[in-house]
Amino acid sequence: MGNTQAWPVLRTTDLSEALDLAEKLLSVTASYEPDGCYVDAWARDEDVLRQLTDRNPAARVAWYGEGQTGFPANVQLGVSSVAEARAALVSWADVTRCYLLWCHMLWPEVPELGIGEEYKYAELEVACNSHDIHCEEWAAEHTVFVHARQGDDERAAWLAAQVGARVVGPSEFGW
């Protein structure tokens, strides 16, 4: 049992740039399951909930308010391809803070650093309108995070370097 550590590798106001970098990072993986991805958002009122579900009617809603019937509500949409993930995130990014998370992936072995493959803690995330993985606070930028085993700073830096990026801030405790 454990949690990931998440390293930001890009902060940008251009959502397309963030999604392009995420797609490049997916090409670095040893493997990933295209349907091991979902888009997640919080709706804090009826208007936001309606906009999210109107834009993606297949989204699931889970209530977390009083008696698990009121706001906030968690809205989640499973996607099965990079194109579907991109479209879903773009459709929600102008409504609220949200994130796209790829899991069920395998970071490759990095023999020159003495690092083996990583499955358990391997994840990739694009947080829209936020600098943190949970999208708790609004920011004008979108952040791309690589998730890996705690203390795996070298892997995060190596992954970023493979796509012409770098770690751009301190890591944070993950999922």
N, C-alpha and C. Protein backbone atom coordinates (compact mmCIF):
# COMPACT_ATOMS: atom_id res chain seq x y z
N MET A 1 0.85 -1.18 0.00
CA MET A 1 0.00 0.00 0.00
C MET A 1 0.89 1.23 0.00
N GLY A 2 0.44 2.29 -0.59
CA GLY A 2 1.20 3.52 -0.61
C GLY A 2 0.55 4.53 -1.51
N ASN A 3 1.19 5.66 -1.60
CA ASN A 3 0.70 6.75 -2.44
C ASN A 3 1.77 7.15 -3.42
N THR A 4 1.32 7.75 -4.51
CA THR A 4 2.26 8.27 -5.49
C THR A 4 2.87 9.56 -4.97
N GLN A 5 3.87 10.01 -5.68
CA GLN A 5 4.41 11.35 -5.56
C GLN A 5 4.20 11.95 -6.94
N ALA A 6 3.81 13.20 -7.03
CA ALA A 6 3.51 13.83 -8.32
C ALA A 6 4.44 15.02 -8.55
N TRP A 7 5.10 15.03 -9.70
CA TRP A 7 6.01 16.10 -10.07
C TRP A 7 5.41 16.90 -11.23
N PRO A 8 5.34 18.22 -11.10
CA PRO A 8 4.86 19.03 -12.23
C PRO A 8 5.97 19.14 -13.28
N VAL A 9 5.62 18.90 -14.53
CA VAL A 9 6.62 18.98 -15.60
C VAL A 9 6.27 20.05 -16.63
N LEU A 10 5.13 20.70 -16.46
CA LEU A 10 4.75 21.82 -17.32
C LEU A 10 3.63 22.58 -16.64
N ARG A 11 3.73 23.91 -16.72
CA ARG A 11 2.63 24.80 -16.35
C ARG A 11 2.45 25.75 -17.52
N THR A 12 1.23 25.83 -18.02
CA THR A 12 0.97 26.65 -19.20
C THR A 12 -0.48 27.11 -19.22
N THR A 13 -0.72 28.25 -19.84
CA THR A 13 -2.09 28.71 -20.03
C THR A 13 -2.72 28.08 -21.27
N ASP A 14 -1.93 27.37 -22.05
CA ASP A 14 -2.38 26.75 -23.30
C ASP A 14 -2.71 25.28 -23.04
N LEU A 15 -4.00 24.96 -22.96
CA LEU A 15 -4.43 23.59 -22.67
C LEU A 15 -3.96 22.63 -23.75
N SER A 16 -3.96 23.06 -24.98
CA SER A 16 -3.49 22.20 -26.07
C SER A 16 -2.02 21.82 -25.87
N GLU A 17 -1.21 22.76 -25.43
CA GLU A 17 0.20 22.49 -25.15
C GLU A 17 0.34 21.44 -24.04
N ALA A 18 -0.47 21.57 -22.99
CA ALA A 18 -0.44 20.60 -21.89
C ALA A 18 -0.84 19.21 -22.39
N LEU A 19 -1.89 19.14 -23.19
CA LEU A 19 -2.33 17.84 -23.70
C LEU A 19 -1.33 17.25 -24.68
N ASP A 20 -0.68 18.08 -25.48
CA ASP A 20 0.36 17.60 -26.39
C ASP A 20 1.52 16.98 -25.61
N LEU A 21 1.94 17.65 -24.53
CA LEU A 21 3.03 17.11 -23.72
C LEU A 21 2.61 15.79 -23.07
N ALA A 22 1.39 15.73 -22.57
CA ALA A 22 0.90 14.47 -21.98
C ALA A 22 0.93 13.35 -23.01
N GLU A 23 0.52 13.64 -24.22
CA GLU A 23 0.53 12.62 -25.27
C GLU A 23 1.96 12.16 -25.57
N LYS A 24 2.91 13.09 -25.56
CA LYS A 24 4.31 12.72 -25.75
C LYS A 24 4.78 11.83 -24.60
N LEU A 25 4.38 12.16 -23.38
CA LEU A 25 4.76 11.32 -22.23
C LEU A 25 4.17 9.92 -22.34
N LEU A 26 2.96 9.82 -22.87
CA LEU A 26 2.37 8.49 -23.08
C LEU A 26 3.23 7.66 -24.03
N SER A 27 3.87 8.32 -24.99
CA SER A 27 4.72 7.58 -25.93
C SER A 27 6.00 7.06 -25.27
N VAL A 28 6.34 7.60 -24.12
CA VAL A 28 7.53 7.15 -23.39
C VAL A 28 7.23 5.93 -22.52
N THR A 29 5.97 5.70 -22.21
CA THR A 29 5.62 4.58 -21.33
C THR A 29 6.04 3.26 -21.98
N ALA A 30 6.27 2.26 -21.13
CA ALA A 30 6.52 0.91 -21.64
C ALA A 30 5.20 0.34 -22.14
N SER A 31 4.11 0.74 -21.51
CA SER A 31 2.77 0.38 -21.97
C SER A 31 1.74 1.18 -21.18
N TYR A 32 0.57 1.33 -21.78
CA TYR A 32 -0.56 1.92 -21.07
C TYR A 32 -1.83 1.41 -21.72
N GLU A 33 -2.89 1.38 -20.95
CA GLU A 33 -4.19 0.97 -21.46
C GLU A 33 -4.99 2.22 -21.79
N PRO A 34 -5.34 2.42 -23.06
CA PRO A 34 -6.07 3.64 -23.44
C PRO A 34 -7.35 3.85 -22.64
N ASP A 35 -8.01 2.76 -22.24
CA ASP A 35 -9.25 2.94 -21.47
C ASP A 35 -8.99 3.04 -19.97
N GLY A 36 -7.74 3.08 -19.56
CA GLY A 36 -7.39 3.30 -18.15
C GLY A 36 -7.25 4.77 -17.87
N CYS A 37 -8.22 5.54 -18.29
CA CYS A 37 -8.15 7.00 -18.21
C CYS A 37 -9.52 7.55 -17.86
N TYR A 38 -9.54 8.62 -17.09
CA TYR A 38 -10.80 9.28 -16.80
C TYR A 38 -10.59 10.77 -16.57
N VAL A 39 -11.68 11.50 -16.75
CA VAL A 39 -11.72 12.93 -16.49
C VAL A 39 -12.57 13.13 -15.24
N ASP A 40 -12.12 13.96 -14.33
CA ASP A 40 -12.76 14.13 -13.04
C ASP A 40 -12.93 15.62 -12.74
N ALA A 41 -14.10 16.00 -12.23
CA ALA A 41 -14.36 17.40 -11.87
C ALA A 41 -15.28 17.44 -10.65
N TRP A 42 -15.26 18.58 -9.98
CA TRP A 42 -16.18 18.83 -8.86
C TRP A 42 -17.19 19.88 -9.31
N ALA A 43 -18.44 19.57 -9.06
CA ALA A 43 -19.51 20.55 -9.31
C ALA A 43 -19.97 21.05 -7.94
N ARG A 44 -19.89 22.34 -7.75
CA ARG A 44 -20.25 22.92 -6.45
C ARG A 44 -21.63 23.57 -6.48
N ASP A 45 -22.25 23.57 -7.67
CA ASP A 45 -23.62 24.10 -7.76
C ASP A 45 -24.32 23.46 -8.96
N GLU A 46 -25.62 23.69 -9.04
CA GLU A 46 -26.45 23.08 -10.09
C GLU A 46 -26.03 23.51 -11.49
N ASP A 47 -25.64 24.77 -11.66
CA ASP A 47 -25.25 25.26 -12.98
C ASP A 47 -24.02 24.52 -13.51
N VAL A 48 -23.01 24.38 -12.69
CA VAL A 48 -21.79 23.67 -13.11
C VAL A 48 -22.10 22.20 -13.38
N LEU A 49 -22.88 21.58 -12.53
CA LEU A 49 -23.25 20.18 -12.74
C LEU A 49 -23.98 20.01 -14.08
N ARG A 50 -24.92 20.87 -14.36
CA ARG A 50 -25.66 20.80 -15.62
C ARG A 50 -24.74 20.96 -16.82
N GLN A 51 -23.83 21.93 -16.75
CA GLN A 51 -22.91 22.15 -17.87
C GLN A 51 -22.02 20.93 -18.10
N LEU A 52 -21.50 20.35 -17.01
CA LEU A 52 -20.62 19.18 -17.15
C LEU A 52 -21.36 17.99 -17.75
N THR A 53 -22.55 17.71 -17.24
CA THR A 53 -23.29 16.55 -17.71
C THR A 53 -23.91 16.80 -19.09
N ASP A 54 -24.27 18.03 -19.41
CA ASP A 54 -24.76 18.32 -20.76
C ASP A 54 -23.66 18.10 -21.79
N ARG A 55 -22.45 18.47 -21.44
CA ARG A 55 -21.33 18.34 -22.39
C ARG A 55 -20.88 16.89 -22.54
N ASN A 56 -21.09 16.09 -21.51
CA ASN A 56 -20.71 14.67 -21.54
C ASN A 56 -21.78 13.87 -20.82
N PRO A 57 -22.86 13.52 -21.49
CA PRO A 57 -23.99 12.84 -20.85
C PRO A 57 -23.64 11.48 -20.22
N ALA A 58 -22.54 10.86 -20.64
CA ALA A 58 -22.15 9.57 -20.06
C ALA A 58 -21.44 9.72 -18.71
N ALA A 59 -21.21 10.94 -18.27
CA ALA A 59 -20.52 11.17 -17.00
C ALA A 59 -21.33 10.61 -15.82
N ARG A 60 -20.60 10.08 -14.83
CA ARG A 60 -21.23 9.59 -13.60
C ARG A 60 -21.14 10.68 -12.54
N VAL A 61 -22.17 10.78 -11.74
CA VAL A 61 -22.21 11.79 -10.68
C VAL A 61 -22.29 11.08 -9.34
N ALA A 62 -21.41 11.47 -8.42
CA ALA A 62 -21.44 10.96 -7.05
C ALA A 62 -21.58 12.17 -6.12
N TRP A 63 -22.54 12.10 -5.23
CA TRP A 63 -22.83 13.22 -4.33
C TRP A 63 -22.05 13.09 -3.04
N TYR A 64 -21.50 14.20 -2.58
CA TYR A 64 -20.72 14.20 -1.34
C TYR A 64 -21.26 15.17 -0.31
N GLY A 65 -22.31 15.87 -0.62
CA GLY A 65 -22.88 16.84 0.31
C GLY A 65 -23.64 16.15 1.43
N GLU A 66 -24.34 16.94 2.17
CA GLU A 66 -25.12 16.45 3.31
C GLU A 66 -26.04 15.32 2.87
N GLY A 67 -25.95 14.19 3.57
CA GLY A 67 -26.77 13.03 3.24
C GLY A 67 -26.43 12.43 1.89
N GLN A 68 -25.29 12.75 1.37
CA GLN A 68 -24.82 12.31 0.05
C GLN A 68 -25.85 12.59 -1.04
N THR A 69 -26.49 13.75 -0.91
CA THR A 69 -27.45 14.16 -1.93
C THR A 69 -27.22 15.59 -2.39
N GLY A 70 -26.45 16.36 -1.65
CA GLY A 70 -26.24 17.77 -2.00
C GLY A 70 -24.84 18.02 -2.53
N PHE A 71 -24.57 19.27 -2.79
CA PHE A 71 -23.28 19.65 -3.34
C PHE A 71 -22.23 19.70 -2.25
N PRO A 72 -20.97 19.40 -2.57
CA PRO A 72 -20.44 19.22 -3.92
C PRO A 72 -20.73 17.82 -4.46
N ALA A 73 -20.65 17.73 -5.77
CA ALA A 73 -20.81 16.45 -6.47
C ALA A 73 -19.54 16.20 -7.28
N ASN A 74 -19.12 14.94 -7.31
CA ASN A 74 -17.99 14.55 -8.12
C ASN A 74 -18.54 14.05 -9.45
N VAL A 75 -18.00 14.56 -10.54
CA VAL A 75 -18.44 14.17 -11.87
C VAL A 75 -17.24 13.52 -12.56
N GLN A 76 -17.44 12.28 -13.03
CA GLN A 76 -16.34 11.52 -13.61
C GLN A 76 -16.77 10.88 -14.92
N LEU A 77 -15.86 10.91 -15.86
CA LEU A 77 -16.12 10.34 -17.18
C LEU A 77 -14.97 9.45 -17.57
N GLY A 78 -15.25 8.18 -17.84
CA GLY A 78 -14.23 7.28 -18.37
C GLY A 78 -14.07 7.51 -19.86
N VAL A 79 -12.85 7.45 -20.33
CA VAL A 79 -12.57 7.63 -21.75
C VAL A 79 -11.72 6.46 -22.25
N SER A 80 -11.73 6.23 -23.55
CA SER A 80 -11.05 5.04 -24.06
C SER A 80 -9.99 5.33 -25.12
N SER A 81 -9.68 6.59 -25.33
CA SER A 81 -8.62 6.93 -26.28
C SER A 81 -8.07 8.31 -25.94
N VAL A 82 -6.90 8.60 -26.47
CA VAL A 82 -6.30 9.92 -26.26
C VAL A 82 -7.19 11.00 -26.86
N ALA A 83 -7.73 10.75 -28.03
CA ALA A 83 -8.61 11.75 -28.67
C ALA A 83 -9.85 12.01 -27.83
N GLU A 84 -10.45 10.96 -27.29
CA GLU A 84 -11.63 11.11 -26.44
C GLU A 84 -11.27 11.84 -25.15
N ALA A 85 -10.11 11.53 -24.58
CA ALA A 85 -9.65 12.21 -23.37
C ALA A 85 -9.46 13.70 -23.61
N ARG A 86 -8.84 14.01 -24.73
CA ARG A 86 -8.59 15.41 -25.08
C ARG A 86 -9.91 16.16 -25.24
N ALA A 87 -10.85 15.58 -25.97
CA ALA A 87 -12.14 16.24 -26.21
C ALA A 87 -12.90 16.45 -24.91
N ALA A 88 -12.90 15.45 -24.04
CA ALA A 88 -13.62 15.56 -22.77
C ALA A 88 -13.02 16.64 -21.89
N LEU A 89 -11.70 16.66 -21.79
CA LEU A 89 -11.06 17.65 -20.93
C LEU A 89 -11.29 19.07 -21.46
N VAL A 90 -11.15 19.24 -22.75
CA VAL A 90 -11.38 20.56 -23.35
C VAL A 90 -12.81 21.02 -23.08
N SER A 91 -13.76 20.09 -23.15
CA SER A 91 -15.16 20.47 -22.95
C SER A 91 -15.46 20.89 -21.52
N TRP A 92 -14.68 20.41 -20.57
CA TRP A 92 -14.92 20.75 -19.16
C TRP A 92 -14.03 21.88 -18.65
N ALA A 93 -12.89 22.11 -19.29
CA ALA A 93 -11.89 23.04 -18.76
C ALA A 93 -12.40 24.48 -18.66
N ASP A 94 -13.34 24.85 -19.51
CA ASP A 94 -13.85 26.23 -19.41
C ASP A 94 -15.02 26.34 -18.44
N VAL A 95 -15.41 25.22 -17.82
CA VAL A 95 -16.52 25.23 -16.87
C VAL A 95 -16.01 25.28 -15.43
N THR A 96 -14.97 24.51 -15.14
CA THR A 96 -14.50 24.38 -13.77
C THR A 96 -13.08 23.80 -13.75
N ARG A 97 -12.51 23.70 -12.57
CA ARG A 97 -11.24 22.99 -12.41
C ARG A 97 -11.52 21.50 -12.59
N CYS A 98 -10.66 20.82 -13.30
CA CYS A 98 -10.85 19.40 -13.54
C CYS A 98 -9.51 18.78 -13.88
N TYR A 99 -9.46 17.46 -13.91
CA TYR A 99 -8.21 16.82 -14.31
C TYR A 99 -8.47 15.57 -15.11
N LEU A 100 -7.46 15.20 -15.86
CA LEU A 100 -7.44 14.00 -16.68
C LEU A 100 -6.35 13.12 -16.10
N LEU A 101 -6.66 11.86 -15.82
CA LEU A 101 -5.69 10.96 -15.20
C LEU A 101 -5.60 9.66 -15.98
N TRP A 102 -4.39 9.36 -16.42
CA TRP A 102 -4.12 8.05 -17.00
C TRP A 102 -3.51 7.18 -15.91
N CYS A 103 -4.08 6.01 -15.71
CA CYS A 103 -3.50 5.03 -14.81
C CYS A 103 -3.39 3.72 -15.60
N HIS A 104 -3.09 2.62 -14.97
CA HIS A 104 -2.88 1.35 -15.69
C HIS A 104 -1.81 1.53 -16.76
N MET A 105 -0.68 2.07 -16.33
CA MET A 105 0.43 2.28 -17.24
C MET A 105 1.71 1.76 -16.62
N LEU A 106 2.76 1.70 -17.40
CA LEU A 106 4.05 1.17 -16.95
C LEU A 106 5.15 2.14 -17.37
N TRP A 107 5.79 2.76 -16.35
CA TRP A 107 6.96 3.58 -16.67
C TRP A 107 8.09 2.63 -17.01
N PRO A 108 8.91 2.96 -17.99
CA PRO A 108 9.96 2.04 -18.43
C PRO A 108 11.14 1.96 -17.45
N GLU A 109 11.88 0.91 -17.63
CA GLU A 109 13.14 0.74 -16.91
C GLU A 109 14.12 1.81 -17.40
N VAL A 110 14.95 2.32 -16.48
CA VAL A 110 15.98 3.29 -16.84
C VAL A 110 17.30 2.73 -16.30
N PRO A 111 17.93 1.81 -17.05
CA PRO A 111 19.12 1.12 -16.56
C PRO A 111 20.26 2.04 -16.16
N GLU A 112 20.45 3.14 -16.91
CA GLU A 112 21.57 4.04 -16.58
C GLU A 112 21.40 4.72 -15.22
N LEU A 113 20.17 4.74 -14.71
CA LEU A 113 19.92 5.31 -13.37
C LEU A 113 19.67 4.22 -12.34
N GLY A 114 19.72 2.96 -12.78
CA GLY A 114 19.46 1.85 -11.86
C GLY A 114 18.02 1.77 -11.41
N ILE A 115 17.09 2.21 -12.28
CA ILE A 115 15.67 2.25 -11.95
C ILE A 115 14.93 1.20 -12.77
N GLY A 116 14.18 0.34 -12.11
CA GLY A 116 13.40 -0.67 -12.80
C GLY A 116 12.08 -0.13 -13.30
N GLU A 117 11.32 -0.99 -13.98
CA GLU A 117 9.98 -0.60 -14.43
C GLU A 117 9.11 -0.27 -13.24
N GLU A 118 8.11 0.57 -13.46
CA GLU A 118 7.18 0.96 -12.40
C GLU A 118 5.75 0.90 -12.89
N TYR A 119 4.95 0.06 -12.25
CA TYR A 119 3.54 -0.04 -12.59
C TYR A 119 2.66 0.54 -11.49
N LYS A 120 2.93 0.13 -10.25
CA LYS A 120 2.03 0.45 -9.14
C LYS A 120 1.80 1.96 -8.98
N TYR A 121 2.84 2.75 -9.16
CA TYR A 121 2.73 4.19 -8.91
C TYR A 121 2.78 5.03 -10.19
N ALA A 122 2.72 4.39 -11.34
CA ALA A 122 2.84 5.10 -12.62
C ALA A 122 1.49 5.70 -13.03
N GLU A 123 1.45 7.01 -13.11
CA GLU A 123 0.27 7.72 -13.57
C GLU A 123 0.69 9.02 -14.25
N LEU A 124 -0.19 9.54 -15.07
CA LEU A 124 0.05 10.79 -15.78
C LEU A 124 -1.22 11.63 -15.66
N GLU A 125 -1.04 12.90 -15.36
CA GLU A 125 -2.20 13.76 -15.08
C GLU A 125 -2.05 15.13 -15.73
N VAL A 126 -3.17 15.65 -16.20
CA VAL A 126 -3.25 17.05 -16.64
C VAL A 126 -4.31 17.69 -15.75
N ALA A 127 -3.90 18.65 -14.94
CA ALA A 127 -4.81 19.39 -14.05
C ALA A 127 -5.14 20.72 -14.71
N CYS A 128 -6.42 20.94 -14.98
CA CYS A 128 -6.86 22.16 -15.65
C CYS A 128 -7.20 23.24 -14.64
N ASN A 129 -6.68 24.43 -14.90
CA ASN A 129 -6.95 25.59 -14.06
C ASN A 129 -6.47 25.39 -12.63
N SER A 130 -5.36 24.68 -12.48
CA SER A 130 -4.86 24.37 -11.14
C SER A 130 -3.38 24.04 -11.17
N HIS A 131 -2.73 24.27 -10.03
CA HIS A 131 -1.33 23.88 -9.85
C HIS A 131 -1.20 22.65 -8.97
N ASP A 132 -2.32 22.10 -8.48
CA ASP A 132 -2.22 20.92 -7.61
C ASP A 132 -3.03 19.77 -8.20
N ILE A 133 -2.68 18.55 -7.81
CA ILE A 133 -3.28 17.37 -8.42
C ILE A 133 -4.77 17.23 -8.11
N HIS A 134 -5.21 17.77 -7.00
CA HIS A 134 -6.62 17.65 -6.61
C HIS A 134 -7.47 18.80 -7.13
N CYS A 135 -6.84 19.76 -7.80
CA CYS A 135 -7.53 20.93 -8.35
C CYS A 135 -8.31 21.67 -7.27
N GLU A 136 -7.69 21.81 -6.11
CA GLU A 136 -8.37 22.47 -5.00
C GLU A 136 -8.40 23.98 -5.13
N GLU A 137 -7.36 24.56 -5.72
CA GLU A 137 -7.32 26.01 -5.86
C GLU A 137 -7.21 26.38 -7.32
N TRP A 138 -7.96 27.42 -7.72
CA TRP A 138 -7.95 27.87 -9.10
C TRP A 138 -6.62 28.52 -9.43
N ALA A 139 -6.14 28.27 -10.64
CA ALA A 139 -4.96 28.95 -11.19
C ALA A 139 -5.24 29.22 -12.66
N ALA A 140 -4.56 30.20 -13.20
CA ALA A 140 -4.75 30.54 -14.62
C ALA A 140 -4.06 29.54 -15.54
N GLU A 141 -3.29 28.63 -14.96
CA GLU A 141 -2.52 27.68 -15.76
C GLU A 141 -3.02 26.25 -15.58
N HIS A 142 -2.63 25.43 -16.54
CA HIS A 142 -2.86 23.99 -16.50
C HIS A 142 -1.52 23.35 -16.18
N THR A 143 -1.53 22.25 -15.42
CA THR A 143 -0.29 21.61 -14.99
C THR A 143 -0.28 20.16 -15.40
N VAL A 144 0.84 19.72 -15.98
CA VAL A 144 1.04 18.31 -16.30
C VAL A 144 1.91 17.71 -15.20
N PHE A 145 1.43 16.59 -14.63
CA PHE A 145 2.15 15.89 -13.57
C PHE A 145 2.50 14.48 -14.00
N VAL A 146 3.71 14.04 -13.64
CA VAL A 146 4.03 12.62 -13.71
C VAL A 146 3.99 12.11 -12.28
N HIS A 147 3.32 10.97 -12.10
CA HIS A 147 3.23 10.33 -10.79
C HIS A 147 4.14 9.12 -10.80
N ALA A 148 4.85 8.92 -9.71
CA ALA A 148 5.73 7.77 -9.58
C ALA A 148 5.86 7.45 -8.08
N ARG A 149 6.73 6.52 -7.79
CA ARG A 149 6.99 6.12 -6.40
C ARG A 149 7.60 7.29 -5.63
N GLN A 150 7.25 7.44 -4.37
CA GLN A 150 7.82 8.50 -3.54
C GLN A 150 9.34 8.39 -3.55
N GLY A 151 10.01 9.53 -3.68
CA GLY A 151 11.46 9.58 -3.70
C GLY A 151 12.07 9.27 -5.06
N ASP A 152 11.24 9.06 -6.07
CA ASP A 152 11.71 8.69 -7.40
C ASP A 152 11.95 9.94 -8.25
N ASP A 153 12.65 10.92 -7.66
CA ASP A 153 12.92 12.19 -8.35
C ASP A 153 13.65 12.00 -9.67
N GLU A 154 14.59 11.06 -9.70
CA GLU A 154 15.36 10.83 -10.92
C GLU A 154 14.46 10.35 -12.06
N ARG A 155 13.50 9.49 -11.73
CA ARG A 155 12.58 9.01 -12.77
C ARG A 155 11.77 10.18 -13.34
N ALA A 156 11.25 11.01 -12.46
CA ALA A 156 10.44 12.15 -12.91
C ALA A 156 11.26 13.05 -13.83
N ALA A 157 12.49 13.35 -13.44
CA ALA A 157 13.35 14.21 -14.26
C ALA A 157 13.67 13.52 -15.59
N TRP A 158 13.93 12.22 -15.55
CA TRP A 158 14.25 11.47 -16.76
C TRP A 158 13.05 11.46 -17.71
N LEU A 159 11.86 11.18 -17.19
CA LEU A 159 10.65 11.17 -18.03
C LEU A 159 10.45 12.52 -18.71
N ALA A 160 10.57 13.58 -17.92
CA ALA A 160 10.39 14.93 -18.48
C ALA A 160 11.43 15.19 -19.58
N ALA A 161 12.67 14.83 -19.33
CA ALA A 161 13.73 15.07 -20.31
C ALA A 161 13.48 14.33 -21.62
N GLN A 162 12.83 13.18 -21.56
CA GLN A 162 12.57 12.40 -22.78
C GLN A 162 11.66 13.13 -23.75
N VAL A 163 10.90 14.09 -23.26
CA VAL A 163 9.96 14.83 -24.12
C VAL A 163 10.30 16.33 -24.17
N GLY A 164 11.55 16.66 -23.81
CA GLY A 164 11.99 18.04 -23.89
C GLY A 164 11.44 18.95 -22.81
N ALA A 165 11.05 18.36 -21.69
CA ALA A 165 10.51 19.15 -20.56
C ALA A 165 11.44 18.98 -19.36
N ARG A 166 11.02 19.55 -18.25
CA ARG A 166 11.78 19.40 -16.99
C ARG A 166 10.81 19.54 -15.84
N VAL A 167 11.22 19.09 -14.68
CA VAL A 167 10.42 19.27 -13.48
C VAL A 167 10.42 20.77 -13.17
N VAL A 168 9.22 21.35 -12.98
CA VAL A 168 9.10 22.81 -12.84
C VAL A 168 8.67 23.27 -11.45
N GLY A 169 8.66 22.37 -10.50
CA GLY A 169 8.27 22.74 -9.15
C GLY A 169 8.43 21.56 -8.22
N PRO A 170 8.19 21.79 -6.96
CA PRO A 170 8.33 20.70 -6.00
C PRO A 170 7.24 19.63 -6.22
N SER A 171 7.58 18.43 -5.81
CA SER A 171 6.59 17.34 -5.92
C SER A 171 5.56 17.49 -4.81
N GLU A 172 4.46 16.81 -4.98
CA GLU A 172 3.44 16.79 -3.94
C GLU A 172 2.99 15.36 -3.70
N PHE A 173 2.49 15.13 -2.50
CA PHE A 173 1.98 13.82 -2.11
C PHE A 173 0.81 13.48 -3.00
N GLY A 174 0.80 12.29 -3.58
CA GLY A 174 -0.20 11.92 -4.55
C GLY A 174 -1.37 11.14 -3.98
N TRP A 175 -1.91 10.26 -4.81
CA TRP A 175 -3.12 9.51 -4.48
C TRP A 175 -2.82 8.41 -3.50
